[in-house]
Amino acid sequence: MNRMSGETALGLAWIIALVASLAVLFIGEVLGQTPCVLCWFQRAFMFPLAIVLGLGLWWRDGRVGRYGIALALGGGAIALWHMGLYVGLVPERVQPCTATGPSCTDDNQLVFGIPIPLMALAAFALIGALSALSLKDTRT
């Protein structure tokens, strides 16, 4: 079985970060769905991932995966909290969304029947795993 090269893993991580960033921009700006507070926090980690990993690929920096791991862990933690809130594991009284803003738990959090927090959690997990895999290939 062939091993994935570090550059390929990093490229896939960047593609996932870029597609996720463009998708949330589409949902918010084109479809007009205002993001909840936790979605904003997740964006704070996803947007830099697309930039940092893209620049790492451009400059052929094989060690940029370490930044991908750090950002993916931060964003993944928020996405996990959001998912816990969405499915009811986190009590409603600690819900960070205001009464007048969009809810973190209603049907606006579904795209094609899949909860946005679950998609974010999967994206952060894949980006983190691929970033870690990219570091195993470096010889520096």
C-alpha atoms as a PDB file:
ATOM      1  CA  MET A   1       0.000   0.000   0.000  1.00  0.00           C
ATOM      2  CA  ASN A   2       1.386   3.424  -0.953  1.00  0.00           C
ATOM      3  CA  ARG A   3       1.884   6.030   1.749  1.00  0.00           C
ATOM      4  CA  MET A   4       0.500   9.483   1.200  1.00  0.00           C
ATOM      5  CA  SER A   5       3.265  12.059   0.830  1.00  0.00           C
ATOM      6  CA  GLY A   6       3.431  14.992   3.216  1.00  0.00           C
ATOM      7  CA  GLU A   7       2.770  17.435   0.398  1.00  0.00           C
ATOM      8  CA  THR A   8      -0.313  15.495  -0.712  1.00  0.00           C
ATOM      9  CA  ALA A   9      -1.650  15.373   2.853  1.00  0.00           C
ATOM     10  CA  LEU A  10      -1.047  19.096   3.238  1.00  0.00           C
ATOM     11  CA  GLY A  11      -2.726  19.773  -0.103  1.00  0.00           C
ATOM     12  CA  LEU A  12      -5.805  17.807   0.926  1.00  0.00           C
ATOM     13  CA  ALA A  13      -5.931  19.617   4.284  1.00  0.00           C
ATOM     14  CA  TRP A  14      -5.747  22.960   2.463  1.00  0.00           C
ATOM     15  CA  ILE A  15      -8.511  21.957   0.024  1.00  0.00           C
ATOM     16  CA  ILE A  16     -10.792  20.960   2.921  1.00  0.00           C
ATOM     17  CA  ALA A  17     -10.081  24.253   4.731  1.00  0.00           C
ATOM     18  CA  LEU A  18     -10.654  26.269   1.561  1.00  0.00           C
ATOM     19  CA  VAL A  19     -13.911  24.493   0.665  1.00  0.00           C
ATOM     20  CA  ALA A  20     -15.181  24.802   4.249  1.00  0.00           C
ATOM     21  CA  SER A  21     -14.326  28.520   4.313  1.00  0.00           C
ATOM     22  CA  LEU A  22     -16.025  29.150   0.985  1.00  0.00           C
ATOM     23  CA  ALA A  23     -19.052  27.095   2.055  1.00  0.00           C
ATOM     24  CA  VAL A  24     -19.652  29.119   5.221  1.00  0.00           C
ATOM     25  CA  LEU A  25     -19.210  32.339   3.263  1.00  0.00           C
ATOM     26  CA  PHE A  26     -21.794  31.071   0.778  1.00  0.00           C
ATOM     27  CA  ILE A  27     -24.221  30.123   3.559  1.00  0.00           C
ATOM     28  CA  GLY A  28     -23.811  33.465   5.288  1.00  0.00           C
ATOM     29  CA  GLU A  29     -23.415  35.911   2.421  1.00  0.00           C
ATOM     30  CA  VAL A  30     -25.356  34.339  -0.468  1.00  0.00           C
ATOM     31  CA  LEU A  31     -28.055  32.413   1.377  1.00  0.00           C
ATOM     32  CA  GLY A  32     -28.302  35.145   4.017  1.00  0.00           C
ATOM     33  CA  GLN A  33     -28.187  32.812   7.018  1.00  0.00           C
ATOM     34  CA  THR A  34     -26.640  34.744   9.879  1.00  0.00           C
ATOM     35  CA  PRO A  35     -24.175  32.546  11.762  1.00  0.00           C
ATOM     36  CA  CYS A  36     -24.659  31.881  15.458  1.00  0.00           C
ATOM     37  CA  VAL A  37     -21.990  32.849  17.980  1.00  0.00           C
ATOM     38  CA  LEU A  38     -20.311  29.440  17.963  1.00  0.00           C
ATOM     39  CA  CYS A  39     -20.201  29.452  14.157  1.00  0.00           C
ATOM     40  CA  TRP A  40     -18.344  32.765  14.318  1.00  0.00           C
ATOM     41  CA  PHE A  41     -15.811  31.255  16.714  1.00  0.00           C
ATOM     42  CA  GLN A  42     -15.342  28.281  14.403  1.00  0.00           C
ATOM     43  CA  ARG A  43     -14.784  30.641  11.480  1.00  0.00           C
ATOM     44  CA  ALA A  44     -12.039  32.341  13.511  1.00  0.00           C
ATOM     45  CA  PHE A  45     -10.100  29.071  13.273  1.00  0.00           C
ATOM     46  CA  MET A  46     -11.147  27.883   9.782  1.00  0.00           C
ATOM     47  CA  PHE A  47     -10.336  31.035   7.800  1.00  0.00           C
ATOM     48  CA  PRO A  48      -6.704  31.200   8.976  1.00  0.00           C
ATOM     49  CA  LEU A  49      -6.327  27.486   8.234  1.00  0.00           C
ATOM     50  CA  ALA A  50      -7.033  28.086   4.556  1.00  0.00           C
ATOM     51  CA  ILE A  51      -4.519  30.941   4.442  1.00  0.00           C
ATOM     52  CA  VAL A  52      -1.745  29.362   6.536  1.00  0.00           C
ATOM     53  CA  LEU A  53      -1.896  25.947   4.842  1.00  0.00           C
ATOM     54  CA  GLY A  54      -2.103  27.584   1.405  1.00  0.00           C
ATOM     55  CA  LEU A  55       0.969  29.708   2.089  1.00  0.00           C
ATOM     56  CA  GLY A  56       2.792  26.666   3.467  1.00  0.00           C
ATOM     57  CA  LEU A  57       2.128  24.827   0.215  1.00  0.00           C
ATOM     58  CA  TRP A  58       3.136  27.843  -1.857  1.00  0.00           C
ATOM     59  CA  TRP A  59       6.440  28.217  -0.019  1.00  0.00           C
ATOM     60  CA  ARG A  60       6.946  24.443   0.227  1.00  0.00           C
ATOM     61  CA  ASP A  61       7.161  24.621   4.011  1.00  0.00           C
ATOM     62  CA  GLY A  62       6.832  21.013   5.144  1.00  0.00           C
ATOM     63  CA  ARG A  63       6.523  22.071   8.792  1.00  0.00           C
ATOM     64  CA  VAL A  64       3.394  24.220   8.346  1.00  0.00           C
ATOM     65  CA  GLY A  65       1.324  21.217   9.399  1.00  0.00           C
ATOM     66  CA  ARG A  66       2.081  22.015  13.044  1.00  0.00           C
ATOM     67  CA  TYR A  67       0.089  25.243  12.689  1.00  0.00           C
ATOM     68  CA  GLY A  68      -2.659  23.298  10.974  1.00  0.00           C
ATOM     69  CA  ILE A  69      -2.838  20.951  13.945  1.00  0.00           C
ATOM     70  CA  ALA A  70      -3.020  23.828  16.457  1.00  0.00           C
ATOM     71  CA  LEU A  71      -5.761  25.670  14.559  1.00  0.00           C
ATOM     72  CA  ALA A  72      -7.698  22.448  13.898  1.00  0.00           C
ATOM     73  CA  LEU A  73      -7.605  21.530  17.595  1.00  0.00           C
ATOM     74  CA  GLY A  74      -8.946  24.951  18.605  1.00  0.00           C
ATOM     75  CA  GLY A  75     -11.679  24.943  15.991  1.00  0.00           C
ATOM     76  CA  GLY A  76     -12.486  21.298  16.639  1.00  0.00           C
ATOM     77  CA  ALA A  77     -12.963  21.982  20.356  1.00  0.00           C
ATOM     78  CA  ILE A  78     -15.479  24.723  19.570  1.00  0.00           C
ATOM     79  CA  ALA A  79     -17.220  22.523  16.975  1.00  0.00           C
ATOM     80  CA  LEU A  80     -17.417  19.693  19.524  1.00  0.00           C
ATOM     81  CA  TRP A  81     -18.973  22.065  22.078  1.00  0.00           C
ATOM     82  CA  HIS A  82     -21.395  23.301  19.398  1.00  0.00           C
ATOM     83  CA  MET A  83     -22.316  19.725  18.479  1.00  0.00           C
ATOM     84  CA  GLY A  84     -22.892  18.895  22.160  1.00  0.00           C
ATOM     85  CA  LEU A  85     -25.187  21.887  22.427  1.00  0.00           C
ATOM     86  CA  TYR A  86     -26.958  20.933  19.197  1.00  0.00           C
ATOM     87  CA  VAL A  87     -27.719  17.354  20.292  1.00  0.00           C
ATOM     88  CA  GLY A  88     -28.609  18.378  23.850  1.00  0.00           C
ATOM     89  CA  LEU A  89     -25.580  17.112  25.773  1.00  0.00           C
ATOM     90  CA  VAL A  90     -24.749  20.654  26.883  1.00  0.00           C
ATOM     91  CA  PRO A  91     -27.598  22.212  28.882  1.00  0.00           C
ATOM     92  CA  GLU A  92     -29.457  25.086  27.210  1.00  0.00           C
ATOM     93  CA  ARG A  93     -28.646  27.457  30.077  1.00  0.00           C
ATOM     94  CA  VAL A  94     -25.004  27.649  28.907  1.00  0.00           C
ATOM     95  CA  GLN A  95     -26.034  28.385  25.330  1.00  0.00           C
ATOM     96  CA  PRO A  96     -23.877  31.275  24.122  1.00  0.00           C
ATOM     97  CA  CYS A  97     -26.390  32.558  21.574  1.00  0.00           C
ATOM     98  CA  THR A  98     -28.514  35.542  22.492  1.00  0.00           C
ATOM     99  CA  ALA A  99     -32.282  35.473  22.533  1.00  0.00           C
ATOM    100  CA  THR A 100     -32.444  37.965  19.640  1.00  0.00           C
ATOM    101  CA  GLY A 101     -29.775  36.376  17.426  1.00  0.00           C
ATOM    102  CA  PRO A 102     -29.734  33.096  15.489  1.00  0.00           C
ATOM    103  CA  SER A 103     -29.989  29.929  17.521  1.00  0.00           C
ATOM    104  CA  CYS A 104     -27.164  27.418  17.854  1.00  0.00           C
ATOM    105  CA  THR A 105     -29.631  24.526  17.908  1.00  0.00           C
ATOM    106  CA  ASP A 106     -32.541  25.109  15.507  1.00  0.00           C
ATOM    107  CA  ASP A 107     -33.191  23.840  11.982  1.00  0.00           C
ATOM    108  CA  ASN A 108     -31.126  26.713  10.517  1.00  0.00           C
ATOM    109  CA  GLN A 109     -28.116  24.638  11.574  1.00  0.00           C
ATOM    110  CA  LEU A 110     -28.930  21.977   8.950  1.00  0.00           C
ATOM    111  CA  VAL A 111     -27.536  21.844   5.415  1.00  0.00           C
ATOM    112  CA  PHE A 112     -28.756  18.928   3.298  1.00  0.00           C
ATOM    113  CA  GLY A 113     -30.085  17.417   6.541  1.00  0.00           C
ATOM    114  CA  ILE A 114     -26.625  17.420   8.178  1.00  0.00           C
ATOM    115  CA  PRO A 115     -25.931  19.678  11.160  1.00  0.00           C
ATOM    116  CA  ILE A 116     -23.383  22.422  10.400  1.00  0.00           C
ATOM    117  CA  PRO A 117     -21.561  21.726  13.694  1.00  0.00           C
ATOM    118  CA  LEU A 118     -21.046  18.093  12.628  1.00  0.00           C
ATOM    119  CA  MET A 119     -19.677  19.172   9.248  1.00  0.00           C
ATOM    120  CA  ALA A 120     -17.330  21.616  10.991  1.00  0.00           C
ATOM    121  CA  LEU A 121     -16.173  18.949  13.453  1.00  0.00           C
ATOM    122  CA  ALA A 122     -15.472  16.521  10.601  1.00  0.00           C
ATOM    123  CA  ALA A 123     -13.580  19.191   8.645  1.00  0.00           C
ATOM    124  CA  PHE A 124     -11.421  20.156  11.634  1.00  0.00           C
ATOM    125  CA  ALA A 125     -10.723  16.485  12.423  1.00  0.00           C
ATOM    126  CA  LEU A 126      -9.681  15.736   8.830  1.00  0.00           C
ATOM    127  CA  ILE A 127      -7.537  18.864   8.599  1.00  0.00           C
ATOM    128  CA  GLY A 128      -5.838  18.024  11.896  1.00  0.00           C
ATOM    129  CA  ALA A 129      -5.197  14.415  10.891  1.00  0.00           C
ATOM    130  CA  LEU A 130      -3.862  15.373   7.454  1.00  0.00           C
ATOM    131  CA  SER A 131      -1.697  18.104   8.965  1.00  0.00           C
ATOM    132  CA  ALA A 132      -0.224  15.567  11.396  1.00  0.00           C
ATOM    133  CA  LEU A 133       0.314  13.118   8.551  1.00  0.00           C
ATOM    134  CA  SER A 134       2.153  15.802   6.582  1.00  0.00           C
ATOM    135  CA  LEU A 135       4.650  16.169   9.436  1.00  0.00           C
ATOM    136  CA  LYS A 136       5.549  12.474   9.442  1.00  0.00           C
ATOM    137  CA  ASP A 137       6.962  12.862   5.947  1.00  0.00           C
ATOM    138  CA  THR A 138       9.357  15.722   6.771  1.00  0.00           C
ATOM    139  CA  ARG A 139      12.994  14.902   7.235  1.00  0.00           C
ATOM    140  CA  THR A 140      14.076  18.170   8.948  1.00  0.00           C
END
